Amino acid sequence: MGLSGHCLCKAVTYTVDVEAPIITGYDHCDDCQRQSGSSYSLVVVVPKAKLSINGPVKKYAGKADSGNTVHRWFCETCGSPIAHEPEAAPEIIALKGGSLETEQKKALKPDTEIWCASKLPFVQEKLAKPFDHMPQ
């Protein structure tokens, strides 16, 4: 099966050779709110080694609250967020769920929330596995 997606202008495309994501959930951290321009970022965590990406990706390196670097990937052309890559967990990458193909997005079943300490008070949905910060 696998996963696939693209940015808004379709200059960046990707495929992931997996049957299912490791985690699907919401990231409520302040950086993800700013990157997504929304209340949280829908993330689809997959093994980085299984990701194949094509197109002009630009990366922004920022610091997480832990002090570790997080690389945020964007389409160089349209600016769509594609993923974030935490140096603290080099084996994974968190794809932005909105960039998946339409039918794949519809099939997602988010069950995990991270950085609930930064969750905006008007976000009422509660998922099965909430974490105040990053799960250990």
N, C-alpha and C. Protein backbone atom coordinates (compact mmCIF):
# COMPACT_ATOMS: atom_id res chain seq x y z
N MET A 1 0.83 -1.19 0.00
CA MET A 1 0.00 0.00 0.00
C MET A 1 0.87 1.24 0.00
N GLY A 2 1.43 1.61 1.14
CA GLY A 2 2.29 2.79 1.23
C GLY A 2 1.49 4.07 1.36
N LEU A 3 2.22 5.13 1.62
CA LEU A 3 1.64 6.46 1.73
C LEU A 3 2.27 7.35 0.67
N SER A 4 1.54 8.36 0.25
CA SER A 4 2.09 9.32 -0.70
C SER A 4 1.40 10.66 -0.53
N GLY A 5 2.10 11.69 -0.97
CA GLY A 5 1.54 13.01 -0.84
C GLY A 5 2.31 14.03 -1.63
N HIS A 6 1.89 15.29 -1.47
CA HIS A 6 2.53 16.38 -2.21
C HIS A 6 2.18 17.71 -1.57
N CYS A 7 2.92 18.73 -1.97
CA CYS A 7 2.66 20.09 -1.51
C CYS A 7 1.51 20.68 -2.33
N LEU A 8 1.15 21.91 -2.06
CA LEU A 8 0.05 22.57 -2.75
C LEU A 8 0.29 22.70 -4.25
N CYS A 9 1.51 23.08 -4.64
CA CYS A 9 1.80 23.28 -6.07
C CYS A 9 2.27 22.02 -6.77
N LYS A 10 2.44 20.95 -6.02
CA LYS A 10 2.87 19.64 -6.51
C LYS A 10 4.32 19.60 -6.99
N ALA A 11 5.11 20.60 -6.62
CA ALA A 11 6.54 20.58 -6.95
C ALA A 11 7.28 19.57 -6.08
N VAL A 12 6.77 19.33 -4.87
CA VAL A 12 7.34 18.34 -3.96
C VAL A 12 6.36 17.18 -3.86
N THR A 13 6.87 15.99 -4.10
CA THR A 13 6.07 14.77 -3.94
C THR A 13 6.86 13.82 -3.06
N TYR A 14 6.13 12.89 -2.43
CA TYR A 14 6.83 11.89 -1.62
C TYR A 14 6.03 10.60 -1.59
N THR A 15 6.75 9.53 -1.27
CA THR A 15 6.15 8.23 -1.00
C THR A 15 6.82 7.66 0.24
N VAL A 16 6.07 6.84 0.96
CA VAL A 16 6.60 6.18 2.15
C VAL A 16 6.24 4.71 2.02
N ASP A 17 7.25 3.86 2.06
CA ASP A 17 7.04 2.42 1.90
C ASP A 17 6.71 1.78 3.25
N VAL A 18 5.47 2.03 3.72
CA VAL A 18 4.98 1.46 4.97
C VAL A 18 3.52 1.06 4.79
N GLU A 19 3.10 0.10 5.58
CA GLU A 19 1.68 -0.28 5.58
C GLU A 19 0.85 0.70 6.39
N ALA A 20 1.44 1.20 7.48
CA ALA A 20 0.72 2.13 8.36
C ALA A 20 1.73 3.01 9.08
N PRO A 21 1.30 4.21 9.50
CA PRO A 21 2.19 5.08 10.28
C PRO A 21 2.51 4.47 11.64
N ILE A 22 3.61 4.91 12.22
CA ILE A 22 3.97 4.53 13.59
C ILE A 22 2.99 5.19 14.56
N ILE A 23 2.74 6.46 14.35
CA ILE A 23 1.82 7.26 15.17
C ILE A 23 1.10 8.23 14.24
N THR A 24 -0.16 8.45 14.51
CA THR A 24 -0.92 9.52 13.87
C THR A 24 -1.54 10.34 14.98
N GLY A 25 -1.28 11.62 14.98
CA GLY A 25 -1.82 12.42 16.07
C GLY A 25 -1.68 13.91 15.85
N TYR A 26 -1.94 14.63 16.92
CA TYR A 26 -1.89 16.08 16.92
C TYR A 26 -0.68 16.55 17.71
N ASP A 27 0.05 17.49 17.16
CA ASP A 27 1.16 18.12 17.86
C ASP A 27 0.72 19.54 18.20
N HIS A 28 0.56 19.81 19.49
CA HIS A 28 0.05 21.10 19.96
C HIS A 28 1.16 22.08 20.30
N CYS A 29 2.42 21.76 20.02
CA CYS A 29 3.50 22.68 20.41
C CYS A 29 3.34 24.02 19.68
N ASP A 30 3.88 25.06 20.28
CA ASP A 30 3.76 26.40 19.72
C ASP A 30 4.35 26.48 18.31
N ASP A 31 5.47 25.81 18.09
CA ASP A 31 6.09 25.84 16.76
C ASP A 31 5.18 25.22 15.71
N CYS A 32 4.52 24.11 16.04
CA CYS A 32 3.61 23.48 15.07
C CYS A 32 2.38 24.35 14.83
N GLN A 33 1.92 25.05 15.87
CA GLN A 33 0.81 25.98 15.66
C GLN A 33 1.21 27.06 14.67
N ARG A 34 2.41 27.57 14.83
CA ARG A 34 2.87 28.63 13.93
C ARG A 34 3.14 28.10 12.52
N GLN A 35 3.75 26.91 12.44
CA GLN A 35 4.05 26.35 11.13
C GLN A 35 2.78 26.04 10.35
N SER A 36 1.77 25.53 11.04
CA SER A 36 0.53 25.15 10.36
C SER A 36 -0.42 26.34 10.20
N GLY A 37 -0.22 27.39 10.99
CA GLY A 37 -1.15 28.50 10.97
C GLY A 37 -2.49 28.11 11.57
N SER A 38 -2.47 27.10 12.43
CA SER A 38 -3.70 26.57 13.00
C SER A 38 -3.49 26.21 14.47
N SER A 39 -4.45 25.50 15.03
CA SER A 39 -4.43 25.15 16.46
C SER A 39 -3.44 24.06 16.81
N TYR A 40 -3.12 23.22 15.84
CA TYR A 40 -2.16 22.13 16.02
C TYR A 40 -1.77 21.62 14.65
N SER A 41 -0.82 20.72 14.63
CA SER A 41 -0.40 20.10 13.38
C SER A 41 -0.77 18.62 13.42
N LEU A 42 -1.46 18.17 12.40
CA LEU A 42 -1.76 16.75 12.24
C LEU A 42 -0.48 16.09 11.73
N VAL A 43 0.08 15.17 12.52
CA VAL A 43 1.34 14.54 12.14
C VAL A 43 1.16 13.04 11.92
N VAL A 44 1.89 12.55 10.94
CA VAL A 44 1.90 11.14 10.58
C VAL A 44 3.35 10.70 10.67
N VAL A 45 3.68 10.01 11.75
CA VAL A 45 5.07 9.65 12.03
C VAL A 45 5.40 8.33 11.33
N VAL A 46 6.49 8.36 10.56
CA VAL A 46 6.93 7.19 9.78
C VAL A 46 8.44 7.02 9.93
N PRO A 47 8.95 5.84 9.60
CA PRO A 47 10.41 5.66 9.61
C PRO A 47 11.06 6.52 8.52
N LYS A 48 12.04 7.32 8.90
CA LYS A 48 12.69 8.20 7.92
C LYS A 48 13.32 7.41 6.77
N ALA A 49 13.84 6.24 7.06
CA ALA A 49 14.49 5.42 6.03
C ALA A 49 13.51 4.96 4.95
N LYS A 50 12.22 4.98 5.23
CA LYS A 50 11.21 4.52 4.28
C LYS A 50 10.66 5.65 3.41
N LEU A 51 11.09 6.89 3.66
CA LEU A 51 10.61 8.06 2.94
C LEU A 51 11.45 8.32 1.70
N SER A 52 10.77 8.54 0.58
CA SER A 52 11.41 8.97 -0.66
C SER A 52 10.76 10.29 -1.06
N ILE A 53 11.58 11.34 -1.16
CA ILE A 53 11.03 12.67 -1.44
C ILE A 53 11.68 13.25 -2.68
N ASN A 54 10.88 13.92 -3.50
CA ASN A 54 11.35 14.54 -4.73
C ASN A 54 10.86 15.98 -4.79
N GLY A 55 11.73 16.86 -5.23
CA GLY A 55 11.34 18.25 -5.40
C GLY A 55 12.15 19.19 -4.54
N PRO A 56 11.89 20.49 -4.73
CA PRO A 56 12.68 21.53 -4.06
C PRO A 56 12.26 21.78 -2.62
N VAL A 57 12.86 21.04 -1.68
CA VAL A 57 12.55 21.19 -0.26
C VAL A 57 13.53 22.16 0.38
N LYS A 58 12.99 23.07 1.15
CA LYS A 58 13.80 23.98 1.95
C LYS A 58 13.63 23.55 3.40
N LYS A 59 14.71 23.63 4.18
CA LYS A 59 14.66 23.23 5.59
C LYS A 59 14.98 24.41 6.49
N TYR A 60 14.23 24.48 7.58
CA TYR A 60 14.47 25.49 8.61
C TYR A 60 14.82 24.74 9.89
N ALA A 61 15.96 25.07 10.49
CA ALA A 61 16.39 24.42 11.73
C ALA A 61 16.04 25.32 12.91
N GLY A 62 15.23 24.78 13.80
CA GLY A 62 14.85 25.51 15.01
C GLY A 62 15.16 24.67 16.24
N LYS A 63 15.06 25.27 17.39
CA LYS A 63 15.32 24.56 18.64
C LYS A 63 14.00 24.19 19.31
N ALA A 64 13.91 22.94 19.73
CA ALA A 64 12.77 22.47 20.51
C ALA A 64 12.97 22.91 21.96
N ASP A 65 11.93 22.79 22.77
CA ASP A 65 12.05 23.14 24.19
C ASP A 65 13.14 22.32 24.88
N SER A 66 13.41 21.13 24.37
CA SER A 66 14.44 20.26 24.93
C SER A 66 15.85 20.77 24.63
N GLY A 67 15.95 21.72 23.70
CA GLY A 67 17.26 22.20 23.27
C GLY A 67 17.75 21.49 22.03
N ASN A 68 17.07 20.41 21.64
CA ASN A 68 17.44 19.68 20.43
C ASN A 68 16.94 20.41 19.18
N THR A 69 17.62 20.20 18.08
CA THR A 69 17.23 20.81 16.82
C THR A 69 16.11 20.03 16.16
N VAL A 70 15.18 20.77 15.59
CA VAL A 70 14.11 20.20 14.77
C VAL A 70 14.20 20.85 13.40
N HIS A 71 14.30 20.03 12.37
CA HIS A 71 14.35 20.54 11.00
C HIS A 71 12.94 20.49 10.43
N ARG A 72 12.45 21.63 9.99
CA ARG A 72 11.11 21.72 9.40
C ARG A 72 11.27 21.85 7.90
N TRP A 73 10.58 20.98 7.18
CA TRP A 73 10.69 20.90 5.72
C TRP A 73 9.50 21.61 5.07
N PHE A 74 9.79 22.44 4.08
CA PHE A 74 8.78 23.19 3.34
C PHE A 74 9.04 23.04 1.84
N CYS A 75 8.00 23.19 1.04
CA CYS A 75 8.21 23.31 -0.40
C CYS A 75 8.86 24.66 -0.65
N GLU A 76 9.96 24.64 -1.38
CA GLU A 76 10.68 25.87 -1.71
C GLU A 76 9.86 26.79 -2.59
N THR A 77 8.94 26.21 -3.36
CA THR A 77 8.16 26.99 -4.32
C THR A 77 6.91 27.62 -3.69
N CYS A 78 6.06 26.81 -3.06
CA CYS A 78 4.78 27.32 -2.54
C CYS A 78 4.77 27.51 -1.03
N GLY A 79 5.76 26.99 -0.32
CA GLY A 79 5.85 27.17 1.12
C GLY A 79 5.05 26.18 1.95
N SER A 80 4.40 25.23 1.32
CA SER A 80 3.62 24.25 2.08
C SER A 80 4.52 23.48 3.03
N PRO A 81 4.07 23.29 4.30
CA PRO A 81 4.82 22.45 5.21
C PRO A 81 4.71 20.99 4.80
N ILE A 82 5.83 20.27 4.81
CA ILE A 82 5.86 18.87 4.40
C ILE A 82 6.10 17.96 5.60
N ALA A 83 7.05 18.32 6.47
CA ALA A 83 7.42 17.43 7.57
C ALA A 83 8.22 18.18 8.62
N HIS A 84 8.38 17.54 9.75
CA HIS A 84 9.41 17.99 10.69
C HIS A 84 10.20 16.77 11.14
N GLU A 85 11.50 17.02 11.28
CA GLU A 85 12.48 15.97 11.53
C GLU A 85 13.23 16.29 12.82
N PRO A 86 12.89 15.62 13.91
CA PRO A 86 13.56 15.90 15.19
C PRO A 86 14.91 15.18 15.30
N GLU A 87 15.97 15.93 15.57
CA GLU A 87 17.28 15.31 15.74
C GLU A 87 17.30 14.36 16.94
N ALA A 88 16.42 14.60 17.91
CA ALA A 88 16.38 13.75 19.10
C ALA A 88 15.87 12.34 18.78
N ALA A 89 15.20 12.18 17.65
CA ALA A 89 14.68 10.87 17.22
C ALA A 89 15.03 10.68 15.75
N PRO A 90 16.31 10.43 15.44
CA PRO A 90 16.77 10.43 14.05
C PRO A 90 16.17 9.34 13.16
N GLU A 91 15.54 8.34 13.76
CA GLU A 91 14.98 7.26 12.95
C GLU A 91 13.59 7.57 12.40
N ILE A 92 12.96 8.67 12.85
CA ILE A 92 11.60 8.97 12.40
C ILE A 92 11.52 10.35 11.75
N ILE A 93 10.41 10.56 11.05
CA ILE A 93 10.07 11.87 10.51
C ILE A 93 8.56 12.02 10.64
N ALA A 94 8.11 13.22 10.95
CA ALA A 94 6.68 13.49 11.13
C ALA A 94 6.17 14.25 9.92
N LEU A 95 5.49 13.53 9.04
CA LEU A 95 4.89 14.16 7.87
C LEU A 95 3.68 14.97 8.29
N LYS A 96 3.43 16.05 7.60
CA LYS A 96 2.25 16.85 7.85
C LYS A 96 1.06 16.15 7.19
N GLY A 97 0.10 15.74 8.01
CA GLY A 97 -1.01 14.93 7.53
C GLY A 97 -1.79 15.56 6.39
N GLY A 98 -1.86 16.86 6.37
CA GLY A 98 -2.58 17.55 5.30
C GLY A 98 -1.94 17.40 3.94
N SER A 99 -0.69 16.97 3.89
CA SER A 99 0.00 16.82 2.61
C SER A 99 -0.21 15.44 1.98
N LEU A 100 -0.85 14.52 2.71
CA LEU A 100 -1.13 13.19 2.15
C LEU A 100 -2.17 13.27 1.04
N GLU A 101 -2.20 12.25 0.20
CA GLU A 101 -3.24 12.16 -0.82
C GLU A 101 -4.61 12.18 -0.13
N THR A 102 -5.61 12.72 -0.79
CA THR A 102 -6.92 12.96 -0.19
C THR A 102 -7.52 11.72 0.46
N GLU A 103 -7.56 10.61 -0.23
CA GLU A 103 -8.17 9.40 0.34
C GLU A 103 -7.38 8.87 1.53
N GLN A 104 -6.06 9.06 1.51
CA GLN A 104 -5.24 8.63 2.64
C GLN A 104 -5.50 9.51 3.86
N LYS A 105 -5.69 10.82 3.65
CA LYS A 105 -6.01 11.72 4.76
C LYS A 105 -7.33 11.31 5.41
N LYS A 106 -8.30 10.97 4.58
CA LYS A 106 -9.62 10.60 5.10
C LYS A 106 -9.57 9.32 5.92
N ALA A 107 -8.60 8.47 5.65
CA ALA A 107 -8.50 7.18 6.35
C ALA A 107 -7.70 7.26 7.65
N LEU A 108 -7.08 8.40 7.95
CA LEU A 108 -6.28 8.52 9.16
C LEU A 108 -7.14 8.36 10.40
N LYS A 109 -6.54 7.79 11.44
CA LYS A 109 -7.21 7.62 12.73
C LYS A 109 -6.30 8.14 13.84
N PRO A 110 -6.25 9.46 14.00
CA PRO A 110 -5.39 10.02 15.04
C PRO A 110 -5.82 9.53 16.42
N ASP A 111 -4.83 9.13 17.24
CA ASP A 111 -5.15 8.68 18.60
C ASP A 111 -4.21 9.25 19.65
N THR A 112 -3.20 10.02 19.22
CA THR A 112 -2.18 10.52 20.14
C THR A 112 -2.09 12.04 20.04
N GLU A 113 -1.95 12.69 21.19
CA GLU A 113 -1.72 14.12 21.23
C GLU A 113 -0.44 14.37 22.01
N ILE A 114 0.45 15.20 21.44
CA ILE A 114 1.66 15.57 22.16
C ILE A 114 1.66 17.08 22.39
N TRP A 115 2.42 17.49 23.37
CA TRP A 115 2.52 18.88 23.79
C TRP A 115 1.16 19.45 24.20
N CYS A 116 0.39 18.63 24.91
CA CYS A 116 -0.91 19.10 25.43
C CYS A 116 -0.74 20.27 26.39
N ALA A 117 0.45 20.44 26.95
CA ALA A 117 0.72 21.60 27.81
C ALA A 117 0.54 22.91 27.04
N SER A 118 0.68 22.86 25.71
CA SER A 118 0.52 24.04 24.86
C SER A 118 -0.81 24.03 24.10
N LYS A 119 -1.65 23.05 24.38
CA LYS A 119 -2.94 22.93 23.69
C LYS A 119 -3.78 24.17 23.95
N LEU A 120 -4.33 24.75 22.90
CA LEU A 120 -5.15 25.94 23.06
C LEU A 120 -6.46 25.57 23.76
N PRO A 121 -6.94 26.42 24.65
CA PRO A 121 -8.08 26.06 25.49
C PRO A 121 -9.37 25.79 24.74
N PHE A 122 -9.52 26.31 23.54
CA PHE A 122 -10.76 26.10 22.79
C PHE A 122 -10.75 24.81 21.97
N VAL A 123 -9.61 24.12 21.91
CA VAL A 123 -9.56 22.83 21.21
C VAL A 123 -10.18 21.79 22.14
N GLN A 124 -11.36 21.33 21.80
CA GLN A 124 -12.15 20.48 22.68
C GLN A 124 -11.93 18.99 22.45
N GLU A 125 -11.48 18.61 21.28
CA GLU A 125 -11.28 17.19 21.00
C GLU A 125 -10.21 16.61 21.92
N LYS A 126 -10.47 15.43 22.43
CA LYS A 126 -9.52 14.74 23.29
C LYS A 126 -9.27 13.36 22.70
N LEU A 127 -8.02 13.07 22.39
CA LEU A 127 -7.67 11.78 21.82
C LEU A 127 -7.30 10.79 22.93
N ALA A 128 -7.21 9.53 22.58
CA ALA A 128 -7.03 8.45 23.55
C ALA A 128 -5.70 8.51 24.30
N LYS A 129 -4.65 8.99 23.65
CA LYS A 129 -3.31 8.99 24.26
C LYS A 129 -2.74 10.41 24.31
N PRO A 130 -3.08 11.16 25.37
CA PRO A 130 -2.53 12.53 25.49
C PRO A 130 -1.22 12.55 26.28
N PHE A 131 -0.30 13.40 25.87
CA PHE A 131 0.97 13.59 26.57
C PHE A 131 1.17 15.09 26.76
N ASP A 132 1.54 15.52 27.97
CA ASP A 132 1.79 16.93 28.22
C ASP A 132 2.94 17.45 27.38
N HIS A 133 3.95 16.61 27.16
CA HIS A 133 5.12 16.98 26.37
C HIS A 133 5.38 15.87 25.36
N MET A 134 6.61 15.57 25.09
CA MET A 134 6.95 14.45 24.19
C MET A 134 6.88 13.15 24.97
N PRO A 135 6.32 12.10 24.39
CA PRO A 135 6.35 10.80 25.08
C PRO A 135 7.79 10.29 25.16
N GLN A 136 8.11 9.62 26.24
CA GLN A 136 9.48 9.10 26.42
C GLN A 136 9.63 7.71 25.84
